[in-house]
Each structure stands twice: as C-alpha cells, then as structure tokens.
Amino acid sequence: MIWSLFAAGGMVAAMLMPVTVVLTSFAVAWGCVSEQGLLDAIRHPLGRLYLLLLITLPLFHAAHRLRHTVMDLGARGYSRSLGVLFYGGAIVCTALAVHVLWTMP
C-alpha cells in the first residue's frame, strides 16, 4: 500500500503539478482561462477530486522520502516512530484537505 502511494505521488508531482501550475498561474494571467472558469472547475466534484489527489498523493511521496532520508542520517532505530510521524502527518493533512475541499462553497 505504501509503495503504491509513493509511486502515485511521484507521478502526480512530476506530471500533473506542472500542468496545474501553468493553468492556474500563467493561463489565468494571460487571459486564456478566466478566474470564474477556474473557480467553476474547482467547485465541480471532479475538480475537487483532482485537487484532492494533487494534494494528498505527493504528501505520501514526501513522507516516504523524508522517513528514509532521516533514517539514512542515522535514525534507523526509530524507523517505526518515524513512519508514524511522517505517514501520520500525511494522513492528517489528507483529512484536512478532504474537509477543506468538501466544505468550501
């Protein structure tokens, strides 16, 4: 389960985030996409699901990388605690993202 979240998070971070950054910053600034059109896309259930995946999958990717980086720096004895800390943080942030995305008007 953790490896699939790691791989999916890496794919989202590498392929979907740049597209989202271009659409939400440059395309709006240049007038190719209106701000209202972008807000309407975010308010749509599929837009909210897209944002949820865009936020949460890279969180699990980062949690895995951070855990193993800290372990490589000498904290191998705390592997379980680091897992709880980093993956738990990703789970808490996911719950927060779900709450924010589904309660916004």
N, C-alpha and C. Protein backbone atom coordinates (compact mmCIF):
# COMPACT_ATOMS: atom_id res chain seq x y z
N MET A 1 0.83 -1.20 0.00
CA MET A 1 0.00 0.00 0.00
C MET A 1 0.87 1.26 0.00
N ILE A 2 1.90 1.28 0.84
CA ILE A 2 2.76 2.45 0.93
C ILE A 2 3.51 2.67 -0.38
N TRP A 3 3.97 1.59 -1.01
CA TRP A 3 4.72 1.75 -2.26
C TRP A 3 3.84 2.29 -3.37
N SER A 4 2.58 1.88 -3.41
CA SER A 4 1.70 2.40 -4.46
C SER A 4 1.43 3.89 -4.25
N LEU A 5 1.29 4.32 -2.99
CA LEU A 5 1.10 5.74 -2.72
C LEU A 5 2.37 6.53 -3.07
N PHE A 6 3.54 5.93 -2.81
CA PHE A 6 4.81 6.57 -3.15
C PHE A 6 4.91 6.76 -4.67
N ALA A 7 4.63 5.71 -5.42
CA ALA A 7 4.73 5.79 -6.88
C ALA A 7 3.70 6.75 -7.46
N ALA A 8 2.48 6.69 -6.98
CA ALA A 8 1.44 7.59 -7.49
C ALA A 8 1.75 9.04 -7.15
N GLY A 9 2.27 9.26 -5.96
CA GLY A 9 2.65 10.62 -5.57
C GLY A 9 3.77 11.18 -6.42
N GLY A 10 4.74 10.34 -6.76
CA GLY A 10 5.82 10.78 -7.64
C GLY A 10 5.31 11.11 -9.03
N MET A 11 4.40 10.31 -9.54
CA MET A 11 3.84 10.55 -10.87
C MET A 11 3.03 11.83 -10.88
N VAL A 12 2.23 12.05 -9.87
CA VAL A 12 1.42 13.28 -9.79
C VAL A 12 2.32 14.50 -9.68
N ALA A 13 3.35 14.40 -8.84
CA ALA A 13 4.26 15.53 -8.66
C ALA A 13 5.01 15.84 -9.94
N ALA A 14 5.35 14.82 -10.71
CA ALA A 14 6.14 15.04 -11.92
C ALA A 14 5.30 15.43 -13.13
N MET A 15 4.09 14.92 -13.24
CA MET A 15 3.32 15.13 -14.46
C MET A 15 2.13 16.08 -14.31
N LEU A 16 1.42 15.99 -13.22
CA LEU A 16 0.20 16.79 -13.10
C LEU A 16 0.43 18.15 -12.45
N MET A 17 1.37 18.24 -11.53
CA MET A 17 1.60 19.53 -10.87
C MET A 17 2.07 20.61 -11.82
N PRO A 18 3.02 20.33 -12.73
CA PRO A 18 3.41 21.40 -13.66
C PRO A 18 2.27 21.90 -14.52
N VAL A 19 1.42 21.00 -14.97
CA VAL A 19 0.26 21.40 -15.77
C VAL A 19 -0.67 22.27 -14.95
N THR A 20 -0.90 21.89 -13.71
CA THR A 20 -1.78 22.66 -12.83
C THR A 20 -1.20 24.04 -12.55
N VAL A 21 0.10 24.12 -12.34
CA VAL A 21 0.74 25.41 -12.10
C VAL A 21 0.59 26.31 -13.33
N VAL A 22 0.79 25.75 -14.51
CA VAL A 22 0.64 26.55 -15.74
C VAL A 22 -0.80 27.03 -15.89
N LEU A 23 -1.77 26.14 -15.65
CA LEU A 23 -3.17 26.52 -15.81
C LEU A 23 -3.62 27.55 -14.79
N THR A 24 -3.15 27.41 -13.56
CA THR A 24 -3.64 28.30 -12.52
C THR A 24 -2.86 29.60 -12.42
N SER A 25 -1.72 29.68 -13.02
CA SER A 25 -0.96 30.93 -12.92
C SER A 25 -0.82 31.61 -14.28
N PHE A 26 -0.12 30.99 -15.19
CA PHE A 26 0.15 31.65 -16.46
C PHE A 26 -1.10 31.81 -17.32
N ALA A 27 -1.90 30.75 -17.43
CA ALA A 27 -3.08 30.82 -18.29
C ALA A 27 -4.08 31.86 -17.80
N VAL A 28 -4.24 31.98 -16.51
CA VAL A 28 -5.15 32.99 -15.96
C VAL A 28 -4.55 34.38 -16.15
N ALA A 29 -3.26 34.52 -15.90
CA ALA A 29 -2.61 35.82 -16.04
C ALA A 29 -2.65 36.31 -17.48
N TRP A 30 -2.52 35.41 -18.44
CA TRP A 30 -2.52 35.78 -19.85
C TRP A 30 -3.92 35.89 -20.43
N GLY A 31 -4.94 35.54 -19.66
CA GLY A 31 -6.31 35.67 -20.12
C GLY A 31 -6.81 34.49 -20.92
N CYS A 32 -6.06 33.40 -20.96
CA CYS A 32 -6.50 32.20 -21.69
C CYS A 32 -7.63 31.49 -20.94
N VAL A 33 -7.60 31.58 -19.62
CA VAL A 33 -8.62 30.98 -18.77
C VAL A 33 -9.09 32.05 -17.81
N SER A 34 -10.41 32.18 -17.68
CA SER A 34 -10.93 33.19 -16.76
C SER A 34 -10.89 32.68 -15.33
N GLU A 35 -10.82 33.61 -14.39
CA GLU A 35 -10.81 33.22 -12.98
C GLU A 35 -12.12 32.52 -12.60
N GLN A 36 -13.22 33.00 -13.16
CA GLN A 36 -14.51 32.37 -12.86
C GLN A 36 -14.56 30.95 -13.41
N GLY A 37 -13.99 30.74 -14.59
CA GLY A 37 -13.94 29.38 -15.15
C GLY A 37 -13.11 28.45 -14.29
N LEU A 38 -12.02 28.96 -13.74
CA LEU A 38 -11.19 28.17 -12.86
C LEU A 38 -11.92 27.84 -11.55
N LEU A 39 -12.63 28.82 -11.00
CA LEU A 39 -13.41 28.58 -9.79
C LEU A 39 -14.53 27.58 -10.03
N ASP A 40 -15.18 27.68 -11.19
CA ASP A 40 -16.23 26.71 -11.52
C ASP A 40 -15.66 25.30 -11.63
N ALA A 41 -14.46 25.18 -12.19
CA ALA A 41 -13.82 23.86 -12.30
C ALA A 41 -13.49 23.30 -10.92
N ILE A 42 -13.06 24.16 -10.02
CA ILE A 42 -12.73 23.72 -8.67
C ILE A 42 -13.99 23.31 -7.90
N ARG A 43 -15.08 23.98 -8.16
CA ARG A 43 -16.32 23.67 -7.45
C ARG A 43 -16.98 22.38 -7.94
N HIS A 44 -16.63 21.94 -9.13
CA HIS A 44 -17.18 20.70 -9.66
C HIS A 44 -16.60 19.51 -8.88
N PRO A 45 -17.40 18.47 -8.62
CA PRO A 45 -16.90 17.33 -7.85
C PRO A 45 -15.63 16.69 -8.44
N LEU A 46 -15.53 16.62 -9.76
CA LEU A 46 -14.32 16.05 -10.36
C LEU A 46 -13.13 16.98 -10.17
N GLY A 47 -13.37 18.28 -10.17
CA GLY A 47 -12.30 19.24 -9.90
C GLY A 47 -11.80 19.12 -8.47
N ARG A 48 -12.72 18.91 -7.56
CA ARG A 48 -12.33 18.73 -6.15
C ARG A 48 -11.57 17.42 -5.96
N LEU A 49 -12.00 16.37 -6.66
CA LEU A 49 -11.28 15.10 -6.59
C LEU A 49 -9.87 15.26 -7.16
N TYR A 50 -9.75 15.98 -8.27
CA TYR A 50 -8.44 16.24 -8.87
C TYR A 50 -7.53 16.97 -7.88
N LEU A 51 -8.06 18.01 -7.25
CA LEU A 51 -7.26 18.75 -6.27
C LEU A 51 -6.88 17.88 -5.07
N LEU A 52 -7.81 17.03 -4.64
CA LEU A 52 -7.51 16.13 -3.53
C LEU A 52 -6.36 15.20 -3.88
N LEU A 53 -6.40 14.62 -5.07
CA LEU A 53 -5.31 13.75 -5.50
C LEU A 53 -4.02 14.53 -5.68
N LEU A 54 -4.12 15.75 -6.18
CA LEU A 54 -2.95 16.60 -6.40
C LEU A 54 -2.29 16.99 -5.08
N ILE A 55 -3.06 17.08 -4.03
CA ILE A 55 -2.53 17.45 -2.72
C ILE A 55 -2.04 16.22 -1.96
N THR A 56 -2.85 15.17 -1.91
CA THR A 56 -2.55 14.07 -1.00
C THR A 56 -1.50 13.09 -1.51
N LEU A 57 -1.50 12.75 -2.77
CA LEU A 57 -0.54 11.76 -3.24
C LEU A 57 0.91 12.24 -3.10
N PRO A 58 1.23 13.49 -3.45
CA PRO A 58 2.59 13.94 -3.18
C PRO A 58 2.93 14.01 -1.69
N LEU A 59 1.94 14.17 -0.83
CA LEU A 59 2.20 14.13 0.61
C LEU A 59 2.75 12.77 1.04
N PHE A 60 2.16 11.69 0.53
CA PHE A 60 2.64 10.36 0.87
C PHE A 60 4.01 10.08 0.23
N HIS A 61 4.22 10.61 -0.96
CA HIS A 61 5.53 10.50 -1.60
C HIS A 61 6.59 11.20 -0.74
N ALA A 62 6.28 12.40 -0.30
CA ALA A 62 7.22 13.16 0.53
C ALA A 62 7.43 12.48 1.88
N ALA A 63 6.38 11.92 2.46
CA ALA A 63 6.50 11.23 3.75
C ALA A 63 7.49 10.07 3.64
N HIS A 64 7.36 9.31 2.56
CA HIS A 64 8.25 8.17 2.37
C HIS A 64 9.69 8.63 2.19
N ARG A 65 9.90 9.66 1.38
CA ARG A 65 11.26 10.17 1.15
C ARG A 65 11.85 10.76 2.43
N LEU A 66 11.07 11.51 3.17
CA LEU A 66 11.57 12.10 4.41
C LEU A 66 11.92 11.05 5.44
N ARG A 67 11.08 10.05 5.56
CA ARG A 67 11.34 8.97 6.53
C ARG A 67 12.66 8.29 6.22
N HIS A 68 12.86 7.94 4.97
CA HIS A 68 14.09 7.23 4.61
C HIS A 68 15.31 8.14 4.64
N THR A 69 15.13 9.42 4.37
CA THR A 69 16.25 10.35 4.49
C THR A 69 16.69 10.48 5.95
N VAL A 70 15.74 10.62 6.85
CA VAL A 70 16.08 10.73 8.27
C VAL A 70 16.72 9.43 8.76
N MET A 71 16.22 8.29 8.29
CA MET A 71 16.84 7.02 8.67
C MET A 71 18.26 6.92 8.13
N ASP A 72 18.51 7.39 6.93
CA ASP A 72 19.85 7.37 6.36
C ASP A 72 20.80 8.30 7.11
N LEU A 73 20.26 9.31 7.75
CA LEU A 73 21.09 10.23 8.53
C LEU A 73 21.44 9.68 9.91
N GLY A 74 20.98 8.48 10.20
CA GLY A 74 21.40 7.84 11.45
C GLY A 74 20.29 7.49 12.42
N ALA A 75 19.06 7.63 12.04
CA ALA A 75 17.96 7.35 12.96
C ALA A 75 17.28 6.02 12.63
N ARG A 76 18.05 5.01 12.24
CA ARG A 76 17.47 3.71 11.86
C ARG A 76 16.71 3.05 13.02
N GLY A 77 17.12 3.32 14.22
CA GLY A 77 16.46 2.73 15.38
C GLY A 77 15.05 3.27 15.61
N TYR A 78 14.75 4.35 14.98
CA TYR A 78 13.43 4.99 15.15
C TYR A 78 12.54 4.81 13.94
N SER A 79 12.76 3.77 13.19
CA SER A 79 12.03 3.55 11.94
C SER A 79 10.51 3.57 12.14
N ARG A 80 10.04 2.84 13.13
CA ARG A 80 8.60 2.77 13.37
C ARG A 80 8.05 4.13 13.80
N SER A 81 8.75 4.82 14.68
CA SER A 81 8.31 6.14 15.13
C SER A 81 8.31 7.15 14.00
N LEU A 82 9.32 7.09 13.16
CA LEU A 82 9.38 7.99 12.01
C LEU A 82 8.24 7.71 11.03
N GLY A 83 7.94 6.42 10.86
CA GLY A 83 6.81 6.06 10.00
C GLY A 83 5.50 6.63 10.52
N VAL A 84 5.30 6.49 11.81
CA VAL A 84 4.07 7.02 12.42
C VAL A 84 4.04 8.55 12.26
N LEU A 85 5.17 9.18 12.50
CA LEU A 85 5.24 10.64 12.39
C LEU A 85 4.96 11.12 10.97
N PHE A 86 5.70 10.61 9.99
CA PHE A 86 5.58 11.12 8.64
C PHE A 86 4.31 10.64 7.93
N TYR A 87 4.02 9.34 8.01
CA TYR A 87 2.80 8.85 7.36
C TYR A 87 1.55 9.34 8.10
N GLY A 88 1.65 9.44 9.42
CA GLY A 88 0.53 10.02 10.18
C GLY A 88 0.29 11.46 9.81
N GLY A 89 1.38 12.20 9.61
CA GLY A 89 1.23 13.59 9.16
C GLY A 89 0.57 13.67 7.80
N ALA A 90 0.92 12.75 6.90
CA ALA A 90 0.30 12.73 5.58
C ALA A 90 -1.19 12.40 5.68
N ILE A 91 -1.53 11.50 6.59
CA ILE A 91 -2.94 11.13 6.78
C ILE A 91 -3.72 12.31 7.37
N VAL A 92 -3.14 12.99 8.34
CA VAL A 92 -3.81 14.15 8.94
C VAL A 92 -4.00 15.25 7.90
N CYS A 93 -2.98 15.52 7.10
CA CYS A 93 -3.10 16.54 6.06
C CYS A 93 -4.11 16.14 5.00
N THR A 94 -4.20 14.84 4.71
CA THR A 94 -5.22 14.35 3.77
C THR A 94 -6.62 14.60 4.33
N ALA A 95 -6.82 14.30 5.60
CA ALA A 95 -8.12 14.55 6.23
C ALA A 95 -8.46 16.03 6.21
N LEU A 96 -7.47 16.87 6.46
CA LEU A 96 -7.68 18.32 6.41
C LEU A 96 -8.04 18.77 5.00
N ALA A 97 -7.37 18.23 4.00
CA ALA A 97 -7.67 18.58 2.60
C ALA A 97 -9.09 18.15 2.23
N VAL A 98 -9.48 16.95 2.66
CA VAL A 98 -10.85 16.48 2.39
C VAL A 98 -11.85 17.43 3.03
N HIS A 99 -11.61 17.81 4.26
CA HIS A 99 -12.52 18.72 4.95
C HIS A 99 -12.63 20.07 4.23
N VAL A 100 -11.49 20.64 3.88
CA VAL A 100 -11.49 21.97 3.23
C VAL A 100 -12.16 21.89 1.86
N LEU A 101 -11.82 20.87 1.07
CA LEU A 101 -12.36 20.79 -0.29
C LEU A 101 -13.86 20.50 -0.31
N TRP A 102 -14.34 19.70 0.64
CA TRP A 102 -15.76 19.35 0.60
C TRP A 102 -16.64 20.30 1.39
N THR A 103 -16.07 21.21 2.16
CA THR A 103 -16.91 22.18 2.85
C THR A 103 -16.84 23.57 2.23
N MET A 104 -15.98 23.76 1.24
CA MET A 104 -15.91 25.08 0.61
C MET A 104 -17.15 25.31 -0.26
N PRO A 105 -17.59 26.56 -0.34
CA PRO A 105 -18.83 26.83 -1.10
C PRO A 105 -18.65 26.64 -2.58
